[in-house]
Amino acid sequence: MEHLFPDFDTLPEIFYHWESTTPNNVFLRQPKGNSWKEITFKLAGDQSRRIVSALKDMGLRQGDHIAISSKNCYHWILADIAIMMGGFVSVPLYPTLTKSQLAEVLVKSDAKAIFIGKMDNFGDRAKGIHNGIRVIKFPHYEGSARITIGKDWDDLLNQYEPIKGNYLPDPDSLWTILFTSGTTGTPKGVMHLHRTPAWIARDEKQSNWLGTFNSKENRYFSYLPLNHVGERIGVELSALTTGGMISFAESLETFAKNLQDTQPTLFFAVPRIWTKFYLGVLAKMPQKKLDRLLKIPIVSSVVKKKLLTALGMWKVKVAATGAAITPAYIKEWYSKLGIHLIEAYGMTEVCGSMTNGPMKDCPADSVGKAIPGGEIRIASDTGEILMKTPYMMTGYYKEPELTNHVLIDGWMHSGDRGALDVQGYLRVIGRVKDAFKTSKGQFITPNPMEEKLGKNEFIEQVCIAGLNVPQPIALINLSEVGQKTPKSKVEKSLEESLQALNKDLAGYQKISTIVVDDSQWDENNEILTPTLKVRRPKIDEIYMETYPAWHAAQKSIVWKDSFPIG
C-alpha cells in the first residue's frame, strides 16, 4: 500500500504525485444528461495551473484570500487546487448566502478574489461583492442561474499558459478559512493550517481507523456542500489522498440516477439523507414485508443487492453519517441491509471528526469513540463535551475573544452536552443552549424526545419547542410519505407516537400538542442550515407567539394552518 499512498506534508504535494504518476486516471466526473464529462489528473493539473497564472496576472499574491461560492462541480475542486498551487488561502462559502450575508463574509475574511459558479439563484448577489474583489465565473451549468459578472473561466484557460514547477506551501501556513454554518449565530471563520489535512490522512493510513485506504477502487460521490468540513475532509481529502475519483450530481432531479451510476466505495451523508433513503424504501416495500424477506437466507441476499444497487450503495465499503446526530433506529435499519453507518461527530473547529463508530459492536445510540490521538472529556459542572485533537483550529479569523471563549487550555468547548460510558463510547444528549424553560420553570432537553418522535415514517423533521408555555409542544414537517397520506391516517399515527413517547416522560416533560406544518422547511426560509439541521432559534422566532394557542388546543394533533401565526 505504501507505494500507492505516499506520505505528504500538504495537499498540493499529493496532487502533484498523482498528476505525474497517474496522469491519465480519471479524477473528476461531471454528469450532463446521460453522459459524463471526465477530467484526468493531467487535465486537472493543466487547468488549475492556467488559473494560477491568471490569478497572479490579476495582482493576487501568495497569502491572499480567495473565496469560492458554488454548488459542487468539478470546477470547484479545480479552483481549490489552483488556490493551493498559487500559495493563496481558500475561503469556501455556501452558494445559498444572501447578498448581505455574502458581503459580510467577504469583508470578514479579507477576500481579494472570488470564484462564482453553479447556483440555483444569483439575483442581486453581485451587489454583495465590492468593486475591489476580482471575480472569476465558472462556465454555465445548464439548469443553474446565469452569473452576470466576472471573467470567464474558459476564456482564462485560453488566455494563459500553465505555471511551471510545483509550489509547496509551508505546512504551518494558513490553508483555509472555513465559515461555520451559523446554526447558533453569526458564522465564524475557522482557520486551519496546511499540515492539518496531511496529518489527518497520515494518521488514518497508520491506524486504519475508518478503513479509507482498504479499497482497491476509490470512488466518491460529492453533493453535500464542499465548503462544509465534512465533505471537504470526507470526500475531497479522501479522493486526493487515495488518488480516487469524484463524481458529482447534476441536479436534485438526477441525484438518484447519478448516485446509481457512480456506486461509490465511500459515501458520506447527513442523517436527513439516510432517512430519505429509508423512507423511500418503505414507501415501496412495507417494513413487515422487508423483515420477512430478510429472514429467508437466499432471498435475503437478492433483496439486499437489489435495494442497495438501487440506492447506489452496493459497492460501499465506508458509509459515513454526520453533521447532525443520527437516530439509533436509522443505524439499526441499515445494519439489516449490511450497511454499517459510521457516525462522524465533530466540528469545523477540529477539522472534521472527533469521534467515530467504525467498530461493528458500537452502540447505535452513541457516536463512537475518540479518534486516534484525540481526547474527550465531559465538563463536571455543565455536562459539556470538551475535545482535544492534533487537528485543532488555530482560532477564529480576526476574532481572538471568541477563540478564547471556546478554546481554553487546549480544550475545545463544543457547546454539546454528552456522557461517556466506561468503554469510552460517547453519547450526545443535545446542545447546551437547546434546553429551554417552560412557564412552570422546568428545563426541557428536547433532543432525546425528537429522536423518539422522529421514528414515525410520516415525519421528516421535528423540533420540540415551548419556551414560556406550560408544556412542550412538537412542531413537525411531513415527509414525502406523510404528504401523500390521508390527513386522518397521519393524525392517527402521530397520536399513537405521541402516546408512546409521553408514557415514558415525567409530567413536566409530556408533550401537549403535535403541530403539523405541511409547508417546506428549507434553507430559503432559514429554518434549515445548509447541512439540513433545524435552526431552533428560527423556529422560536417564527412561531413563538402561537405556542400558547397550540398548547391550549382541544386536540393533541393540530395543523399549523388552523391557527394564524402570531
Protein backbone atom coordinates (compact mmCIF):
# COMPACT_ATOMS: atom_id res chain seq x y z
CA MET A 1 0.00 0.00 0.00
CA GLU A 2 2.96 2.29 0.68
CA HIS A 3 3.80 2.84 -3.00
CA LEU A 4 0.16 3.62 -3.78
CA PHE A 5 -0.44 6.08 -0.97
CA PRO A 6 2.75 8.02 -0.23
CA ASP A 7 3.23 10.28 2.78
CA PHE A 8 2.99 14.01 2.18
CA ASP A 9 3.05 17.27 4.14
CA THR A 10 0.48 19.30 2.19
CA LEU A 11 -2.35 18.62 -0.27
CA PRO A 12 -0.61 20.15 -3.32
CA GLU A 13 2.23 17.66 -2.84
CA ILE A 14 -0.11 14.67 -3.09
CA PHE A 15 -1.89 16.15 -6.12
CA TYR A 16 1.47 16.57 -7.91
CA HIS A 17 2.17 12.90 -7.14
CA TRP A 18 -0.96 11.67 -8.92
CA GLU A 19 -0.54 14.23 -11.70
CA SER A 20 2.91 12.80 -12.50
CA THR A 21 2.39 9.08 -11.77
CA THR A 22 -1.22 8.55 -12.90
CA PRO A 23 -1.82 11.41 -15.36
CA ASN A 24 -4.43 9.55 -17.41
CA ASN A 25 -6.51 8.31 -14.47
CA VAL A 26 -9.91 9.95 -14.21
CA PHE A 27 -10.05 12.31 -11.23
CA LEU A 28 -13.37 14.15 -11.69
CA ARG A 29 -16.65 13.21 -13.41
CA GLN A 30 -19.38 15.73 -14.18
CA PRO A 31 -22.78 14.45 -15.43
CA LYS A 32 -24.84 16.05 -18.16
CA GLY A 33 -27.94 14.10 -19.09
CA ASN A 34 -26.93 10.52 -19.81
CA SER A 35 -23.25 11.30 -20.38
CA TRP A 36 -20.31 12.14 -18.13
CA LYS A 37 -17.51 14.64 -18.74
CA GLU A 38 -14.28 13.12 -17.39
CA ILE A 39 -11.30 15.13 -16.14
CA THR A 40 -7.99 13.29 -15.74
CA PHE A 41 -5.32 14.25 -13.23
CA LYS A 42 -3.27 15.62 -16.12
CA LEU A 43 -6.10 17.83 -17.38
CA ALA A 44 -6.97 18.91 -13.84
CA GLY A 45 -3.37 19.97 -13.32
CA ASP A 46 -3.23 21.83 -16.63
CA GLN A 47 -6.41 23.83 -15.96
CA SER A 48 -5.52 24.61 -12.35
CA ARG A 49 -2.06 25.81 -13.38
CA ARG A 50 -3.55 28.12 -16.03
CA ILE A 51 -5.91 29.60 -13.45
CA VAL A 52 -2.94 30.26 -11.13
CA SER A 53 -1.29 32.22 -13.96
CA ALA A 54 -4.49 34.24 -14.38
CA LEU A 55 -4.78 34.98 -10.66
CA LYS A 56 -1.19 36.19 -10.49
CA ASP A 57 -1.73 38.40 -13.54
CA MET A 58 -4.74 39.93 -11.73
CA GLY A 59 -2.37 41.05 -8.99
CA LEU A 60 -3.03 38.28 -6.45
CA ARG A 61 -0.04 37.41 -4.28
CA GLN A 62 0.86 34.47 -2.07
CA GLY A 63 -1.12 34.61 1.16
CA ASP A 64 -4.09 36.46 -0.36
CA HIS A 65 -7.52 35.08 0.49
CA ILE A 66 -9.70 33.76 -2.34
CA ALA A 67 -13.34 32.75 -1.90
CA ILE A 68 -15.32 30.02 -3.71
CA SER A 69 -19.11 30.25 -3.92
CA SER A 70 -20.66 27.43 -5.94
CA LYS A 71 -22.58 24.20 -5.64
CA ASN A 72 -20.46 21.08 -6.05
CA CYS A 73 -18.98 20.61 -9.50
CA TYR A 74 -15.60 19.75 -10.99
CA HIS A 75 -14.69 23.44 -11.31
CA TRP A 76 -15.00 23.79 -7.52
CA ILE A 77 -12.23 21.22 -7.00
CA LEU A 78 -10.03 22.73 -9.71
CA ALA A 79 -10.44 26.21 -8.20
CA ASP A 80 -9.46 24.82 -4.79
CA ILE A 81 -6.37 23.13 -6.24
CA ALA A 82 -5.41 26.34 -8.07
CA ILE A 83 -5.70 28.32 -4.83
CA MET A 84 -3.34 25.88 -3.10
CA MET A 85 -0.94 25.72 -6.06
CA GLY A 86 -0.65 29.51 -6.07
CA GLY A 87 0.05 29.80 -2.35
CA PHE A 88 -3.28 31.51 -1.67
CA VAL A 89 -5.75 30.86 1.18
CA SER A 90 -9.14 29.36 0.32
CA VAL A 91 -12.36 30.77 1.75
CA PRO A 92 -15.16 28.38 0.70
CA LEU A 93 -18.68 29.82 1.08
CA TYR A 94 -22.20 28.44 0.90
CA PRO A 95 -23.71 29.22 -2.54
CA THR A 96 -27.03 29.99 -0.82
CA LEU A 97 -25.78 33.08 1.04
CA THR A 98 -27.92 36.18 0.52
CA LYS A 99 -26.46 39.44 -0.80
CA SER A 100 -25.94 40.82 2.71
CA GLN A 101 -24.54 37.53 4.06
CA LEU A 102 -22.12 37.29 1.14
CA ALA A 103 -21.00 40.89 1.65
CA GLU A 104 -20.45 40.20 5.37
CA VAL A 105 -18.25 37.12 4.98
CA LEU A 106 -16.24 38.59 2.08
CA VAL A 107 -15.34 41.60 4.21
CA LYS A 108 -14.87 39.48 7.33
CA SER A 109 -12.45 37.14 5.52
CA ASP A 110 -10.48 39.85 3.70
CA ALA A 111 -11.14 38.09 0.39
CA LYS A 112 -9.30 39.59 -2.59
CA ALA A 113 -11.00 37.42 -5.22
CA ILE A 114 -13.93 35.05 -5.60
CA PHE A 115 -14.85 32.13 -7.84
CA ILE A 116 -18.59 32.07 -8.53
CA GLY A 117 -20.22 29.11 -10.19
CA LYS A 118 -23.10 26.71 -10.11
CA MET A 119 -26.01 28.02 -8.03
CA ASP A 120 -29.80 28.00 -8.13
CA ASN A 121 -30.19 31.78 -7.94
CA PHE A 122 -27.78 34.65 -8.48
CA GLY A 123 -30.24 37.56 -8.21
CA ASP A 124 -28.71 40.65 -6.61
CA ARG A 125 -25.69 38.88 -5.14
CA ALA A 126 -23.41 40.95 -7.37
CA LYS A 127 -24.22 43.91 -5.09
CA GLY A 128 -22.70 41.97 -2.18
CA ILE A 129 -19.29 41.89 -3.90
CA HIS A 130 -17.45 45.21 -3.57
CA ASN A 131 -15.52 46.63 -6.51
CA GLY A 132 -12.06 45.71 -5.22
CA ILE A 133 -12.72 41.96 -5.41
CA ARG A 134 -11.69 40.13 -8.60
CA VAL A 135 -14.40 37.78 -9.85
CA ILE A 136 -13.99 34.61 -11.92
CA LYS A 137 -17.12 32.79 -13.05
CA PHE A 138 -17.29 29.10 -13.83
CA PRO A 139 -18.74 28.02 -17.20
CA HIS A 140 -22.54 27.96 -17.15
CA TYR A 141 -24.18 24.77 -15.89
CA GLU A 142 -27.48 24.02 -17.61
CA GLY A 143 -30.40 24.49 -15.24
CA SER A 144 -28.41 26.82 -12.98
CA ALA A 145 -28.51 30.60 -12.67
CA ARG A 146 -26.64 32.80 -15.14
CA ILE A 147 -23.72 34.57 -13.49
CA THR A 148 -23.68 38.13 -14.81
CA ILE A 149 -20.30 39.36 -13.55
CA GLY A 150 -16.67 38.31 -13.64
CA LYS A 151 -14.05 36.93 -16.02
CA ASP A 152 -14.99 33.68 -17.73
CA TRP A 153 -13.08 30.54 -16.63
CA ASP A 154 -12.76 29.15 -20.16
CA ASP A 155 -11.52 32.49 -21.52
CA LEU A 156 -8.77 32.48 -18.89
CA LEU A 157 -7.78 28.91 -19.82
CA ASN A 158 -7.33 30.03 -23.43
CA GLN A 159 -5.52 33.22 -22.47
CA TYR A 160 -2.90 31.93 -20.02
CA GLU A 161 -0.18 29.30 -20.06
CA PRO A 162 0.12 26.88 -17.12
CA ILE A 163 2.57 27.83 -14.38
CA LYS A 164 5.77 25.81 -14.26
CA GLY A 165 7.11 23.96 -11.25
CA ASN A 166 5.43 22.53 -8.17
CA TYR A 167 4.91 25.13 -5.47
CA LEU A 168 4.80 23.63 -1.95
CA PRO A 169 3.29 25.75 0.83
CA ASP A 170 4.80 25.82 4.31
CA PRO A 171 2.89 23.14 6.28
CA ASP A 172 2.46 25.64 9.12
CA SER A 173 0.97 28.34 6.89
CA LEU A 174 -2.74 29.07 6.64
CA TRP A 175 -4.56 26.61 4.35
CA THR A 176 -8.20 27.65 4.61
CA ILE A 177 -10.79 29.72 6.44
CA LEU A 178 -13.95 27.64 6.85
CA PHE A 179 -17.04 29.54 7.91
CA THR A 180 -19.39 27.73 10.27
CA SER A 181 -22.97 27.21 9.11
CA GLY A 182 -24.36 29.71 11.61
CA THR A 183 -26.68 27.30 13.43
CA THR A 184 -26.15 29.21 16.65
CA GLY A 185 -25.48 32.72 15.36
CA THR A 186 -23.19 34.70 13.06
CA PRO A 187 -20.82 32.48 11.04
CA LYS A 188 -17.25 32.38 12.32
CA GLY A 189 -14.15 31.93 10.15
CA VAL A 190 -12.28 28.83 11.36
CA MET A 191 -8.57 28.83 10.48
CA HIS A 192 -6.75 25.59 9.63
CA LEU A 193 -3.14 25.05 8.56
CA HIS A 194 -1.83 23.12 5.54
CA ARG A 195 -0.40 20.39 7.74
CA THR A 196 -3.81 19.54 9.23
CA PRO A 197 -5.34 17.60 6.29
CA ALA A 198 -1.98 15.91 5.69
CA TRP A 199 -1.88 14.77 9.33
CA ILE A 200 -5.46 13.51 9.14
CA ALA A 201 -4.56 11.37 6.10
CA ARG A 202 -1.28 10.19 7.65
CA ASP A 203 -2.96 9.12 10.87
CA GLU A 204 -5.79 7.34 9.02
CA LYS A 205 -3.26 5.41 6.96
CA GLN A 206 -1.32 4.37 10.07
CA SER A 207 -4.33 3.46 12.23
CA ASN A 208 -6.74 2.18 9.55
CA TRP A 209 -9.41 3.66 11.84
CA LEU A 210 -12.09 4.14 9.17
CA GLY A 211 -10.69 1.84 6.50
CA THR A 212 -10.38 4.65 3.94
CA PHE A 213 -7.26 3.08 2.38
CA ASN A 214 -8.58 -0.50 2.29
CA SER A 215 -10.35 -0.40 -1.06
CA LYS A 216 -8.65 -1.19 -4.37
CA GLU A 217 -11.19 1.06 -6.04
CA ASN A 218 -11.77 4.54 -4.67
CA ARG A 219 -14.94 6.18 -5.97
CA TYR A 220 -16.59 9.13 -4.29
CA PHE A 221 -19.88 10.96 -4.82
CA SER A 222 -19.90 14.65 -3.93
CA TYR A 223 -23.16 16.52 -3.36
CA LEU A 224 -23.10 17.92 0.21
CA PRO A 225 -21.66 21.47 0.30
CA LEU A 226 -17.92 21.27 -0.36
CA ASN A 227 -17.35 24.28 1.89
CA HIS A 228 -18.56 22.17 4.83
CA VAL A 229 -15.75 20.43 6.72
CA GLY A 230 -17.45 17.03 6.44
CA GLU A 231 -17.45 17.00 2.64
CA ARG A 232 -14.08 18.77 2.37
CA ILE A 233 -12.34 16.16 4.53
CA GLY A 234 -14.53 13.12 3.95
CA VAL A 235 -14.69 13.38 0.16
CA GLU A 236 -12.17 15.85 -1.30
CA LEU A 237 -9.31 14.93 1.05
CA SER A 238 -10.08 11.20 0.78
CA ALA A 239 -10.11 11.34 -3.02
CA LEU A 240 -6.86 13.29 -3.18
CA THR A 241 -5.03 11.04 -0.74
CA THR A 242 -6.13 7.79 -2.39
CA GLY A 243 -5.82 9.02 -5.97
CA GLY A 244 -9.54 8.34 -6.26
CA MET A 245 -12.31 9.61 -8.49
CA ILE A 246 -15.03 12.11 -7.54
CA SER A 247 -18.39 12.10 -9.33
CA PHE A 248 -20.94 14.88 -8.89
CA ALA A 249 -24.71 15.18 -9.02
CA GLU A 250 -26.16 17.18 -11.91
CA SER A 251 -29.33 18.26 -10.10
CA LEU A 252 -31.79 17.24 -7.41
CA GLU A 253 -33.90 15.52 -10.07
CA THR A 254 -30.99 13.41 -11.34
CA PHE A 255 -29.44 12.77 -7.91
CA ALA A 256 -30.66 9.17 -7.60
CA LYS A 257 -29.57 8.22 -11.12
CA ASN A 258 -26.17 9.90 -10.77
CA LEU A 259 -25.58 8.06 -7.49
CA GLN A 260 -26.65 4.72 -9.03
CA ASP A 261 -24.28 5.29 -11.95
CA THR A 262 -21.40 6.07 -9.57
CA GLN A 263 -21.83 3.26 -6.98
CA PRO A 264 -19.25 4.92 -4.67
CA THR A 265 -16.93 2.97 -2.41
CA LEU A 266 -17.14 5.70 0.24
CA PHE A 267 -20.39 7.58 0.77
CA PHE A 268 -20.98 10.38 3.25
CA ALA A 269 -24.48 11.68 4.01
CA VAL A 270 -26.24 13.70 6.67
CA PRO A 271 -28.97 11.91 8.71
CA ARG A 272 -31.76 13.52 6.70
CA ILE A 273 -30.44 11.89 3.51
CA TRP A 274 -30.16 8.46 5.16
CA THR A 275 -33.70 8.94 6.46
CA LYS A 276 -34.98 9.88 2.99
CA PHE A 277 -33.49 6.69 1.53
CA TYR A 278 -35.08 4.69 4.36
CA LEU A 279 -38.50 6.27 3.84
CA GLY A 280 -38.20 5.79 0.08
CA VAL A 281 -37.68 2.05 0.53
CA LEU A 282 -40.60 1.77 2.97
CA ALA A 283 -42.87 3.62 0.55
CA LYS A 284 -42.34 0.78 -1.93
CA MET A 285 -41.99 -2.13 0.49
CA PRO A 286 -43.61 -2.10 3.96
CA GLN A 287 -41.28 -2.87 6.86
CA LYS A 288 -43.07 -6.10 7.80
CA LYS A 289 -42.64 -7.50 4.28
CA LEU A 290 -38.98 -6.42 4.17
CA ASP A 291 -38.29 -8.05 7.54
CA ARG A 292 -39.94 -11.26 6.34
CA LEU A 293 -37.83 -11.37 3.16
CA LEU A 294 -34.59 -10.62 5.03
CA LYS A 295 -35.12 -13.69 7.22
CA ILE A 296 -35.01 -16.05 4.21
CA PRO A 297 -31.29 -16.82 3.54
CA ILE A 298 -31.10 -16.90 -0.27
CA VAL A 299 -33.89 -14.37 -0.80
CA SER A 300 -32.24 -12.04 1.72
CA SER A 301 -29.06 -11.74 -0.39
CA VAL A 302 -31.05 -10.99 -3.55
CA VAL A 303 -33.20 -8.37 -1.80
CA LYS A 304 -30.19 -6.66 -0.24
CA LYS A 305 -28.34 -6.46 -3.55
CA LYS A 306 -31.39 -5.15 -5.37
CA LEU A 307 -32.13 -2.50 -2.74
CA LEU A 308 -28.52 -1.38 -2.29
CA THR A 309 -27.88 -1.22 -6.04
CA ALA A 310 -30.99 0.92 -6.47
CA LEU A 311 -29.79 3.21 -3.68
CA GLY A 312 -26.29 3.41 -5.21
CA MET A 313 -24.84 1.64 -2.16
CA TRP A 314 -23.89 -1.80 -3.50
CA LYS A 315 -20.12 -1.09 -3.67
CA VAL A 316 -19.90 0.99 -0.49
CA LYS A 317 -17.07 -0.01 1.84
CA VAL A 318 -17.26 3.05 4.12
CA ALA A 319 -20.69 4.53 4.84
CA ALA A 320 -20.42 7.69 6.94
CA THR A 321 -23.04 9.85 8.58
CA GLY A 322 -22.62 13.18 10.33
CA ALA A 323 -23.24 16.95 10.59
CA ALA A 324 -26.13 16.10 12.96
CA ILE A 325 -26.69 13.17 15.31
CA THR A 326 -28.07 10.10 13.51
CA PRO A 327 -31.03 8.40 15.23
CA ALA A 328 -30.26 4.91 16.54
CA TYR A 329 -33.18 3.34 14.65
CA ILE A 330 -31.76 4.56 11.33
CA LYS A 331 -28.40 2.89 12.05
CA GLU A 332 -30.17 -0.30 13.12
CA TRP A 333 -32.29 -0.35 9.96
CA TYR A 334 -29.27 -0.04 7.64
CA SER A 335 -27.39 -2.73 9.55
CA LYS A 336 -30.12 -5.18 8.48
CA LEU A 337 -29.09 -4.43 4.88
CA GLY A 338 -25.42 -4.97 5.67
CA ILE A 339 -24.54 -1.26 5.81
CA HIS A 340 -22.72 -0.17 8.97
CA LEU A 341 -23.23 3.58 9.34
CA ILE A 342 -20.11 5.15 10.83
CA GLU A 343 -21.05 8.22 12.84
CA ALA A 344 -18.73 11.18 12.37
CA TYR A 345 -19.24 13.53 15.30
CA GLY A 346 -17.13 16.66 15.34
CA MET A 347 -16.92 20.32 14.47
CA THR A 348 -15.44 22.66 11.89
CA GLU A 349 -13.11 23.76 14.69
CA VAL A 350 -11.50 20.29 14.94
CA CYS A 351 -11.39 19.86 11.15
CA GLY A 352 -13.97 17.10 10.99
CA SER A 353 -14.46 14.10 13.23
CA MET A 354 -13.75 13.99 16.94
CA THR A 355 -15.38 10.59 17.45
CA ASN A 356 -16.31 7.76 15.09
CA GLY A 357 -18.08 4.44 15.39
CA PRO A 358 -16.35 2.15 12.87
CA MET A 359 -16.47 -0.82 15.27
CA LYS A 360 -19.33 -3.20 14.45
CA ASP A 361 -20.38 -3.50 18.11
CA CYS A 362 -20.62 0.28 18.56
CA PRO A 363 -23.87 1.08 20.42
CA ALA A 364 -26.37 2.55 17.95
CA ASP A 365 -27.26 5.37 20.34
CA SER A 366 -23.64 6.54 20.62
CA VAL A 367 -21.35 8.47 18.27
CA GLY A 368 -18.47 6.08 18.86
CA LYS A 369 -15.10 6.64 20.50
CA ALA A 370 -12.49 9.40 20.27
CA ILE A 371 -10.36 9.27 17.13
CA PRO A 372 -6.75 8.01 17.48
CA GLY A 373 -4.74 10.78 19.10
CA GLY A 374 -7.88 12.60 20.26
CA GLU A 375 -9.35 13.01 23.73
CA ILE A 376 -12.88 13.55 25.00
CA ARG A 377 -13.78 14.90 28.42
CA ILE A 378 -17.15 15.82 29.98
CA ALA A 379 -17.25 19.07 31.99
CA SER A 380 -18.33 18.14 35.51
CA ASP A 381 -20.42 21.27 36.10
CA THR A 382 -22.31 21.59 32.78
CA GLY A 383 -22.04 18.18 31.11
CA GLU A 384 -20.47 19.89 28.08
CA ILE A 385 -18.34 17.81 25.72
CA LEU A 386 -14.73 19.02 25.63
CA MET A 387 -12.37 17.98 22.83
CA LYS A 388 -8.62 17.85 22.27
CA THR A 389 -7.12 16.80 18.94
CA PRO A 390 -3.98 17.32 16.82
CA TYR A 391 -6.23 18.87 14.16
CA MET A 392 -7.47 21.82 16.22
CA MET A 393 -8.11 25.16 14.59
CA THR A 394 -5.61 27.93 15.25
CA GLY A 395 -8.57 30.19 16.02
CA TYR A 396 -11.40 32.23 14.52
CA TYR A 397 -10.16 34.68 11.91
CA LYS A 398 -9.75 38.15 13.47
CA GLU A 399 -11.87 37.15 16.48
CA PRO A 400 -9.48 36.38 19.35
CA GLU A 401 -12.10 36.96 22.06
CA LEU A 402 -14.45 34.37 20.54
CA THR A 403 -11.49 32.00 20.14
CA ASN A 404 -10.54 32.35 23.81
CA HIS A 405 -14.15 31.73 24.81
CA VAL A 406 -14.25 28.23 23.26
CA LEU A 407 -10.58 27.18 23.21
CA ILE A 408 -9.43 27.01 26.83
CA ASP A 409 -6.22 25.33 28.00
CA GLY A 410 -6.03 23.34 24.77
CA TRP A 411 -9.60 22.03 25.07
CA MET A 412 -12.31 22.88 22.56
CA HIS A 413 -15.67 23.56 24.21
CA SER A 414 -18.18 22.01 21.84
CA GLY A 415 -21.42 23.52 23.10
CA ASP A 416 -22.89 19.98 23.15
CA ARG A 417 -23.92 18.05 26.24
CA GLY A 418 -22.94 14.40 26.47
CA ALA A 419 -21.94 11.40 28.50
CA LEU A 420 -19.08 8.89 28.29
CA ASP A 421 -19.57 5.27 29.33
CA VAL A 422 -16.89 3.05 30.90
CA GLN A 423 -15.88 1.71 27.48
CA GLY A 424 -15.27 5.22 26.12
CA TYR A 425 -18.39 5.48 23.94
CA LEU A 426 -19.79 9.00 23.72
CA ARG A 427 -23.50 9.77 23.70
CA VAL A 428 -24.57 13.25 22.67
CA ILE A 429 -27.59 14.49 24.60
CA GLY A 430 -28.06 17.79 22.79
CA ARG A 431 -26.87 21.36 22.60
CA VAL A 432 -26.20 23.06 25.93
CA LYS A 433 -28.25 26.01 24.66
CA ASP A 434 -31.05 23.81 23.25
CA ALA A 435 -32.53 23.29 26.70
CA PHE A 436 -35.39 25.70 27.35
CA LYS A 437 -37.56 26.55 30.34
CA THR A 438 -41.33 26.16 30.33
CA SER A 439 -43.59 28.63 32.14
CA LYS A 440 -43.63 26.15 35.05
CA GLY A 441 -39.91 26.84 35.50
CA GLN A 442 -38.87 23.35 34.36
CA PHE A 443 -35.99 22.81 31.93
CA ILE A 444 -36.66 20.65 28.87
CA THR A 445 -33.90 18.83 26.98
CA PRO A 446 -35.54 18.35 23.57
CA ASN A 447 -33.12 16.20 21.59
CA PRO A 448 -33.89 12.71 23.01
CA MET A 449 -37.62 13.35 22.58
CA GLU A 450 -37.09 14.50 19.00
CA GLU A 451 -35.23 11.30 18.14
CA LYS A 452 -38.01 9.08 19.51
CA LEU A 453 -40.77 11.03 17.78
CA GLY A 454 -38.77 11.12 14.55
CA LYS A 455 -39.15 7.34 14.15
CA ASN A 456 -42.61 7.95 12.71
CA GLU A 457 -42.35 7.50 8.92
CA PHE A 458 -44.69 10.45 8.30
CA ILE A 459 -42.21 12.85 9.97
CA GLU A 460 -39.37 14.43 8.01
CA GLN A 461 -38.14 16.88 10.66
CA VAL A 462 -39.18 17.53 14.26
CA CYS A 463 -38.48 20.36 16.67
CA ILE A 464 -39.57 20.24 20.33
CA ALA A 465 -40.32 23.79 21.46
CA GLY A 466 -42.46 25.57 24.03
CA LEU A 467 -40.48 28.43 25.53
CA ASN A 468 -42.67 30.02 28.22
CA VAL A 469 -45.72 27.75 27.82
CA PRO A 470 -46.69 25.17 30.47
CA GLN A 471 -45.77 22.05 28.47
CA PRO A 472 -43.51 21.43 25.49
CA ILE A 473 -45.04 21.11 22.02
CA ALA A 474 -43.67 19.39 18.93
CA LEU A 475 -43.56 21.05 15.52
CA ILE A 476 -43.12 18.58 12.70
CA ASN A 477 -42.50 18.77 8.98
CA LEU A 478 -44.14 15.99 6.97
CA SER A 479 -42.09 13.52 4.94
CA GLU A 480 -42.95 12.78 1.32
CA VAL A 481 -44.81 9.71 2.53
CA GLY A 482 -46.76 11.80 5.01
CA GLN A 483 -47.67 14.40 2.41
CA LYS A 484 -49.22 11.70 0.23
CA THR A 485 -51.15 10.04 3.06
CA PRO A 486 -54.73 11.00 4.03
CA LYS A 487 -54.82 13.51 6.90
CA SER A 488 -56.88 11.20 9.13
CA LYS A 489 -54.31 8.40 8.84
CA VAL A 490 -51.44 10.81 9.58
CA GLU A 491 -53.23 12.12 12.67
CA LYS A 492 -53.91 8.63 13.98
CA SER A 493 -50.27 7.61 13.53
CA LEU A 494 -49.00 10.80 15.20
CA GLU A 495 -51.38 10.30 18.12
CA GLU A 496 -50.00 6.79 18.66
CA SER A 497 -46.41 8.10 18.55
CA LEU A 498 -47.29 10.88 20.99
CA GLN A 499 -48.84 8.48 23.49
CA ALA A 500 -45.89 6.10 23.24
CA LEU A 501 -43.46 8.98 23.88
CA ASN A 502 -45.39 10.60 26.74
CA LYS A 503 -45.84 7.41 28.76
CA ASP A 504 -42.09 7.34 29.46
CA LEU A 505 -41.77 11.05 30.31
CA ALA A 506 -42.09 12.88 33.60
CA GLY A 507 -45.21 15.01 33.94
CA TYR A 508 -43.50 18.33 33.19
CA GLN A 509 -41.86 16.82 30.06
CA LYS A 510 -45.02 15.46 28.43
CA ILE A 511 -45.77 16.98 25.04
CA SER A 512 -49.19 18.58 24.95
CA THR A 513 -49.54 19.06 21.20
CA ILE A 514 -48.05 17.98 17.90
CA VAL A 515 -48.28 20.79 15.35
CA VAL A 516 -48.17 19.61 11.73
CA ASP A 517 -46.51 22.14 9.44
CA ASP A 518 -47.00 20.81 5.92
CA SER A 519 -45.10 23.69 4.33
CA GLN A 520 -41.48 23.12 3.37
CA TRP A 521 -38.68 23.64 5.88
CA ASP A 522 -35.53 24.53 3.96
CA GLU A 523 -32.65 26.97 3.56
CA ASN A 524 -34.84 29.55 1.82
CA ASN A 525 -36.93 30.21 4.94
CA GLU A 526 -33.77 29.74 7.05
CA ILE A 527 -35.37 27.02 9.21
CA LEU A 528 -32.72 24.54 8.00
CA THR A 529 -28.99 25.12 7.77
CA PRO A 530 -27.18 24.17 4.53
CA THR A 531 -26.37 20.86 6.25
CA LEU A 532 -30.10 20.29 6.90
CA LYS A 533 -30.11 20.86 10.66
CA VAL A 534 -33.09 22.64 12.23
CA ARG A 535 -32.38 26.17 13.47
CA ARG A 536 -34.23 26.10 16.78
CA PRO A 537 -33.96 29.90 17.34
CA LYS A 538 -35.60 30.43 13.94
CA ILE A 539 -38.50 28.14 14.90
CA ASP A 540 -38.99 30.24 18.05
CA GLU A 541 -38.74 33.48 16.08
CA ILE A 542 -41.43 32.46 13.58
CA TYR A 543 -43.86 30.55 15.78
CA MET A 544 -43.41 31.51 19.45
CA GLU A 545 -46.39 33.85 19.61
CA THR A 546 -48.63 30.96 18.59
CA TYR A 547 -47.24 28.45 21.13
CA PRO A 548 -49.93 29.29 23.75
CA ALA A 549 -52.79 28.71 21.25
CA TRP A 550 -51.27 25.43 20.10
CA HIS A 551 -50.74 24.29 23.68
CA ALA A 552 -54.34 25.14 24.60
CA ALA A 553 -55.84 23.44 21.54
CA GLN A 554 -58.59 20.93 22.26
CA LYS A 555 -56.93 18.29 20.04
CA SER A 556 -53.43 16.90 20.63
CA ILE A 557 -52.74 16.89 16.86
CA VAL A 558 -53.31 20.23 15.14
CA TRP A 559 -52.40 21.60 11.72
CA LYS A 560 -50.48 24.84 11.59
CA ASP A 561 -52.84 26.40 9.05
CA SER A 562 -55.71 26.02 11.54
CA PHE A 563 -54.08 28.77 13.64
CA PRO A 564 -52.96 32.16 12.30
CA ILE A 565 -49.26 32.76 13.07
CA GLY A 566 -48.64 35.41 15.72
